[in-house]
């Protein structure tokens, strides 16, 4: 998964304007206490970050 695909999926899940705020402010429990933005900036693969976000938001399996 590329970063662009990650952001597209997050935009679809939360809405474009809210997704950016959420990514910067919400700590995702499966990302070792990091926010989504921090995890991506630290070099975590977008696919791994998306899996953690999907679990946190309790999105359906179809969103894998």
PDB file of N, CA and C in Angstrom:
ATOM      1  N   UNK A   1       0.845  -1.174   0.000  1.00  0.00           N
ATOM      2  CA  UNK A   1       0.000   0.000   0.000  1.00  0.00           C
ATOM      3  C   UNK A   1       0.896   1.245   0.000  1.00  0.00           C
ATOM      4  N   UNK A   2       0.539   2.187  -0.823  1.00  0.00           N
ATOM      5  CA  UNK A   2       1.257   3.463  -0.876  1.00  0.00           C
ATOM      6  C   UNK A   2       0.604   4.461   0.077  1.00  0.00           C
ATOM      7  N   UNK A   3       1.338   5.500   0.384  1.00  0.00           N
ATOM      8  CA  UNK A   3       0.807   6.537   1.262  1.00  0.00           C
ATOM      9  C   UNK A   3      -0.469   7.149   0.687  1.00  0.00           C
ATOM     10  N   UNK A   4      -0.514   7.335  -0.632  1.00  0.00           N
ATOM     11  CA  UNK A   4      -1.712   7.935  -1.240  1.00  0.00           C
ATOM     12  C   UNK A   4      -2.933   7.053  -1.033  1.00  0.00           C
ATOM     13  N   UNK A   5      -2.758   5.743  -1.147  1.00  0.00           N
ATOM     14  CA  UNK A   5      -3.877   4.826  -0.923  1.00  0.00           C
ATOM     15  C   UNK A   5      -4.304   4.861   0.550  1.00  0.00           C
ATOM     16  N   UNK A   6      -3.336   4.925   1.440  1.00  0.00           N
ATOM     17  CA  UNK A   6      -3.649   5.020   2.867  1.00  0.00           C
ATOM     18  C   UNK A   6      -4.535   6.238   3.137  1.00  0.00           C
ATOM     19  N   UNK A   7      -4.099   7.411   2.642  1.00  0.00           N
ATOM     20  CA  UNK A   7      -4.850   8.646   2.905  1.00  0.00           C
ATOM     21  C   UNK A   7      -6.224   8.615   2.244  1.00  0.00           C
ATOM     22  N   UNK A   8      -6.320   8.014   1.075  1.00  0.00           N
ATOM     23  CA  UNK A   8      -7.619   7.887   0.414  1.00  0.00           C
ATOM     24  C   UNK A   8      -8.568   7.060   1.264  1.00  0.00           C
ATOM     25  N   UNK A   9      -8.077   5.951   1.802  1.00  0.00           N
ATOM     26  CA  UNK A   9      -8.918   5.093   2.644  1.00  0.00           C
ATOM     27  C   UNK A   9      -9.337   5.807   3.929  1.00  0.00           C
ATOM     28  N   UNK A  10      -8.396   6.523   4.539  1.00  0.00           N
ATOM     29  CA  UNK A  10      -8.741   7.241   5.769  1.00  0.00           C
ATOM     30  C   UNK A  10      -9.749   8.349   5.474  1.00  0.00           C
ATOM     31  N   UNK A  11      -9.573   9.037   4.360  1.00  0.00           N
ATOM     32  CA  UNK A  11     -10.540  10.063   3.942  1.00  0.00           C
ATOM     33  C   UNK A  11     -11.927   9.461   3.763  1.00  0.00           C
ATOM     34  N   UNK A  12     -12.001   8.292   3.156  1.00  0.00           N
ATOM     35  CA  UNK A  12     -13.289   7.641   2.933  1.00  0.00           C
ATOM     36  C   UNK A  12     -13.924   7.218   4.255  1.00  0.00           C
ATOM     37  N   UNK A  13     -13.101   6.810   5.213  1.00  0.00           N
ATOM     38  CA  UNK A  13     -13.624   6.339   6.493  1.00  0.00           C
ATOM     39  C   UNK A  13     -14.088   7.489   7.387  1.00  0.00           C
ATOM     40  N   UNK A  14     -13.359   8.610   7.361  1.00  0.00           N
ATOM     41  CA  UNK A  14     -13.635   9.691   8.311  1.00  0.00           C
ATOM     42  C   UNK A  14     -14.041  11.015   7.685  1.00  0.00           C
ATOM     43  N   UNK A  15     -13.895  11.126   6.381  1.00  0.00           N
ATOM     44  CA  UNK A  15     -14.119  12.413   5.722  1.00  0.00           C
ATOM     45  C   UNK A  15     -12.798  13.148   5.611  1.00  0.00           C
ATOM     46  N   UNK A  16     -12.594  13.836   4.514  1.00  0.00           N
ATOM     47  CA  UNK A  16     -11.284  14.444   4.236  1.00  0.00           C
ATOM     48  C   UNK A  16     -10.804  15.412   5.309  1.00  0.00           C
ATOM     49  N   UNK A  17     -11.627  16.321   5.724  1.00  0.00           N
ATOM     50  CA  UNK A  17     -11.152  17.327   6.684  1.00  0.00           C
ATOM     51  C   UNK A  17     -10.899  16.719   8.060  1.00  0.00           C
ATOM     52  N   UNK A  18     -11.748  15.826   8.517  1.00  0.00           N
ATOM     53  CA  UNK A  18     -11.566  15.229   9.842  1.00  0.00           C
ATOM     54  C   UNK A  18     -10.433  14.217   9.863  1.00  0.00           C
ATOM     55  N   UNK A  19     -10.205  13.511   8.768  1.00  0.00           N
ATOM     56  CA  UNK A  19      -9.184  12.456   8.754  1.00  0.00           C
ATOM     57  C   UNK A  19      -7.800  13.005   9.069  1.00  0.00           C
ATOM     58  N   UNK A  20      -7.480  14.183   8.586  1.00  0.00           N
ATOM     59  CA  UNK A  20      -6.156  14.786   8.839  1.00  0.00           C
ATOM     60  C   UNK A  20      -6.013  15.161  10.315  1.00  0.00           C
ATOM     61  N   UNK A  21      -7.056  15.725  10.880  1.00  0.00           N
ATOM     62  CA  UNK A  21      -7.021  16.081  12.296  1.00  0.00           C
ATOM     63  C   UNK A  21      -6.914  14.826  13.149  1.00  0.00           C
ATOM     64  N   UNK A  22      -7.717  13.834  12.833  1.00  0.00           N
ATOM     65  CA  UNK A  22      -7.694  12.570  13.568  1.00  0.00           C
ATOM     66  C   UNK A  22      -6.307  11.945  13.516  1.00  0.00           C
ATOM     67  N   UNK A  23      -5.688  11.954  12.348  1.00  0.00           N
ATOM     68  CA  UNK A  23      -4.364  11.343  12.172  1.00  0.00           C
ATOM     69  C   UNK A  23      -3.298  12.045  13.002  1.00  0.00           C
ATOM     70  N   UNK A  24      -3.485  13.320  13.255  1.00  0.00           N
ATOM     71  CA  UNK A  24      -2.485  14.077  14.016  1.00  0.00           C
ATOM     72  C   UNK A  24      -2.726  14.056  15.524  1.00  0.00           C
ATOM     73  N   UNK A  25      -3.960  13.831  15.946  1.00  0.00           N
ATOM     74  CA  UNK A  25      -4.280  13.951  17.367  1.00  0.00           C
ATOM     75  C   UNK A  25      -4.591  12.645  18.092  1.00  0.00           C
ATOM     76  N   UNK A  26      -5.025  11.622  17.372  1.00  0.00           N
ATOM     77  CA  UNK A  26      -5.471  10.399  18.014  1.00  0.00           C
ATOM     78  C   UNK A  26      -4.342   9.383  18.113  1.00  0.00           C
ATOM     79  N   UNK A  27      -4.058   8.960  19.330  1.00  0.00           N
ATOM     80  CA  UNK A  27      -3.068   7.906  19.549  1.00  0.00           C
ATOM     81  C   UNK A  27      -3.738   6.580  19.238  1.00  0.00           C
ATOM     82  N   UNK A  28      -3.098   5.793  18.400  1.00  0.00           N
ATOM     83  CA  UNK A  28      -3.632   4.483  18.014  1.00  0.00           C
ATOM     84  C   UNK A  28      -2.956   3.429  18.881  1.00  0.00           C
ATOM     85  N   UNK A  29      -3.742   2.691  19.639  1.00  0.00           N
ATOM     86  CA  UNK A  29      -3.178   1.765  20.631  1.00  0.00           C
ATOM     87  C   UNK A  29      -2.233   0.734  20.028  1.00  0.00           C
ATOM     88  N   UNK A  30      -2.485   0.277  18.812  1.00  0.00           N
ATOM     89  CA  UNK A  30      -1.622  -0.746  18.198  1.00  0.00           C
ATOM     90  C   UNK A  30      -0.392  -0.157  17.509  1.00  0.00           C
ATOM     91  N   UNK A  31      -0.169   1.137  17.659  1.00  0.00           N
ATOM     92  CA  UNK A  31       1.007   1.784  17.059  1.00  0.00           C
ATOM     93  C   UNK A  31       1.988   2.251  18.138  1.00  0.00           C
ATOM     94  N   UNK A  32       2.023   1.527  19.231  1.00  0.00           N
ATOM     95  CA  UNK A  32       2.977   1.810  20.311  1.00  0.00           C
ATOM     96  C   UNK A  32       2.885   3.236  20.823  1.00  0.00           C
ATOM     97  N   UNK A  33       1.677   3.719  20.986  1.00  0.00           N
ATOM     98  CA  UNK A  33       1.483   5.049  21.557  1.00  0.00           C
ATOM     99  C   UNK A  33       1.718   6.200  20.601  1.00  0.00           C
ATOM    100  N   UNK A  34       1.760   5.911  19.313  1.00  0.00           N
ATOM    101  CA  UNK A  34       1.957   6.953  18.312  1.00  0.00           C
ATOM    102  C   UNK A  34       0.633   7.309  17.650  1.00  0.00           C
ATOM    103  N   UNK A  35       0.581   8.509  17.118  1.00  0.00           N
ATOM    104  CA  UNK A  35      -0.537   8.859  16.264  1.00  0.00           C
ATOM    105  C   UNK A  35      -0.269   8.273  14.878  1.00  0.00           C
ATOM    106  N   UNK A  36      -1.270   8.287  14.048  1.00  0.00           N
ATOM    107  CA  UNK A  36      -1.103   7.806  12.679  1.00  0.00           C
ATOM    108  C   UNK A  36      -0.020   8.588  11.958  1.00  0.00           C
ATOM    109  N   UNK A  37      -0.061   9.887  12.066  1.00  0.00           N
ATOM    110  CA  UNK A  37       0.932  10.746  11.407  1.00  0.00           C
ATOM    111  C   UNK A  37       2.342  10.432  11.917  1.00  0.00           C
ATOM    112  N   UNK A  38       2.498  10.292  13.228  1.00  0.00           N
ATOM    113  CA  UNK A  38       3.815   9.980  13.799  1.00  0.00           C
ATOM    114  C   UNK A  38       4.334   8.637  13.300  1.00  0.00           C
ATOM    115  N   UNK A  39       3.455   7.652  13.231  1.00  0.00           N
ATOM    116  CA  UNK A  39       3.865   6.321  12.769  1.00  0.00           C
ATOM    117  C   UNK A  39       4.332   6.369  11.313  1.00  0.00           C
ATOM    118  N   UNK A  40       3.590   7.050  10.470  1.00  0.00           N
ATOM    119  CA  UNK A  40       3.984   7.167   9.063  1.00  0.00           C
ATOM    120  C   UNK A  40       5.284   7.953   8.930  1.00  0.00           C
ATOM    121  N   UNK A  41       5.408   9.037   9.678  1.00  0.00           N
ATOM    122  CA  UNK A  41       6.623   9.855   9.625  1.00  0.00           C
ATOM    123  C   UNK A  41       7.840   9.088  10.143  1.00  0.00           C
ATOM    124  N   UNK A  42       7.613   8.140  11.041  1.00  0.00           N
ATOM    125  CA  UNK A  42       8.704   7.335  11.583  1.00  0.00           C
ATOM    126  C   UNK A  42       9.123   6.212  10.635  1.00  0.00           C
ATOM    127  N   UNK A  43       8.399   6.071   9.529  1.00  0.00           N
ATOM    128  CA  UNK A  43       8.760   5.074   8.534  1.00  0.00           C
ATOM    129  C   UNK A  43       8.003   3.764   8.608  1.00  0.00           C
ATOM    130  N   UNK A  44       6.986   3.691   9.445  1.00  0.00           N
ATOM    131  CA  UNK A  44       6.160   2.491   9.502  1.00  0.00           C
ATOM    132  C   UNK A  44       5.448   2.318   8.172  1.00  0.00           C
ATOM    133  N   UNK A  45       5.374   1.105   7.652  1.00  0.00           N
ATOM    134  CA  UNK A  45       4.692   0.890   6.381  1.00  0.00           C
ATOM    135  C   UNK A  45       3.208   1.272   6.453  1.00  0.00           C
ATOM    136  N   UNK A  46       2.722   1.966   5.432  1.00  0.00           N
ATOM    137  CA  UNK A  46       1.310   2.375   5.434  1.00  0.00           C
ATOM    138  C   UNK A  46       0.340   1.208   5.621  1.00  0.00           C
ATOM    139  N   UNK A  47       0.665   0.047   5.096  1.00  0.00           N
ATOM    140  CA  UNK A  47      -0.218  -1.120   5.242  1.00  0.00           C
ATOM    141  C   UNK A  47      -0.346  -1.515   6.714  1.00  0.00           C
ATOM    142  N   UNK A  48       0.756  -1.473   7.437  1.00  0.00           N
ATOM    143  CA  UNK A  48       0.752  -1.793   8.863  1.00  0.00           C
ATOM    144  C   UNK A  48      -0.025  -0.733   9.645  1.00  0.00           C
ATOM    145  N   UNK A  49       0.167   0.516   9.303  1.00  0.00           N
ATOM    146  CA  UNK A  49      -0.545   1.601   9.973  1.00  0.00           C
ATOM    147  C   UNK A  49      -2.038   1.494   9.687  1.00  0.00           C
ATOM    148  N   UNK A  50      -2.402   1.196   8.435  1.00  0.00           N
ATOM    149  CA  UNK A  50      -3.813   1.072   8.086  1.00  0.00           C
ATOM    150  C   UNK A  50      -4.463  -0.062   8.872  1.00  0.00           C
ATOM    151  N   UNK A  51      -3.769  -1.174   9.027  1.00  0.00           N
ATOM    152  CA  UNK A  51      -4.332  -2.298   9.786  1.00  0.00           C
ATOM    153  C   UNK A  51      -4.641  -1.867  11.221  1.00  0.00           C
ATOM    154  N   UNK A  52      -3.748  -1.113  11.835  1.00  0.00           N
ATOM    155  CA  UNK A  52      -3.967  -0.632  13.197  1.00  0.00           C
ATOM    156  C   UNK A  52      -5.124   0.364  13.247  1.00  0.00           C
ATOM    157  N   UNK A  53      -5.179   1.261  12.276  1.00  0.00           N
ATOM    158  CA  UNK A  53      -6.265   2.247  12.213  1.00  0.00           C
ATOM    159  C   UNK A  53      -7.601   1.539  12.009  1.00  0.00           C
ATOM    160  N   UNK A  54      -7.621   0.565  11.121  1.00  0.00           N
ATOM    161  CA  UNK A  54      -8.853  -0.179  10.845  1.00  0.00           C
ATOM    162  C   UNK A  54      -9.376  -0.842  12.119  1.00  0.00           C
ATOM    163  N   UNK A  55      -8.471  -1.436  12.898  1.00  0.00           N
ATOM    164  CA  UNK A  55      -8.883  -2.062  14.155  1.00  0.00           C
ATOM    165  C   UNK A  55      -9.389  -1.006  15.149  1.00  0.00           C
ATOM    166  N   UNK A  56      -8.678   0.105  15.262  1.00  0.00           N
ATOM    167  CA  UNK A  56      -9.062   1.169  16.201  1.00  0.00           C
ATOM    168  C   UNK A  56     -10.447   1.721  15.869  1.00  0.00           C
ATOM    169  N   UNK A  57     -10.696   1.925  14.585  1.00  0.00           N
ATOM    170  CA  UNK A  57     -11.991   2.473  14.159  1.00  0.00           C
ATOM    171  C   UNK A  57     -13.078   1.415  14.047  1.00  0.00           C
ATOM    172  N   UNK A  58     -12.680   0.151  14.254  1.00  0.00           N
ATOM    173  CA  UNK A  58     -13.614  -0.969  14.159  1.00  0.00           C
ATOM    174  C   UNK A  58     -14.314  -1.001  12.806  1.00  0.00           C
ATOM    175  N   UNK A  59     -13.511  -0.799  11.756  1.00  0.00           N
ATOM    176  CA  UNK A  59     -14.037  -0.868  10.394  1.00  0.00           C
ATOM    177  C   UNK A  59     -14.221  -2.333  10.011  1.00  0.00           C
ATOM    178  N   UNK A  60     -15.134  -2.619   9.101  1.00  0.00           N
ATOM    179  CA  UNK A  60     -15.382  -4.017   8.723  1.00  0.00           C
ATOM    180  C   UNK A  60     -14.169  -4.630   7.992  1.00  0.00           C
ATOM    181  N   UNK A  61     -14.131  -5.937   8.008  1.00  0.00           N
ATOM    182  CA  UNK A  61     -13.049  -6.686   7.350  1.00  0.00           C
ATOM    183  C   UNK A  61     -12.929  -6.320   5.862  1.00  0.00           C
ATOM    184  N   UNK A  62     -14.014  -5.903   5.265  1.00  0.00           N
ATOM    185  CA  UNK A  62     -13.991  -5.543   3.852  1.00  0.00           C
ATOM    186  C   UNK A  62     -13.092  -4.338   3.587  1.00  0.00           C
ATOM    187  N   UNK A  63     -12.710  -3.610   4.628  1.00  0.00           N
ATOM    188  CA  UNK A  63     -11.864  -2.430   4.507  1.00  0.00           C
ATOM    189  C   UNK A  63     -10.377  -2.766   4.604  1.00  0.00           C
ATOM    190  N   UNK A  64     -10.047  -4.036   4.546  1.00  0.00           N
ATOM    191  CA  UNK A  64      -8.641  -4.470   4.675  1.00  0.00           C
ATOM    192  C   UNK A  64      -7.792  -3.997   3.581  1.00  0.00           C
TER     193      UNK A  64
END
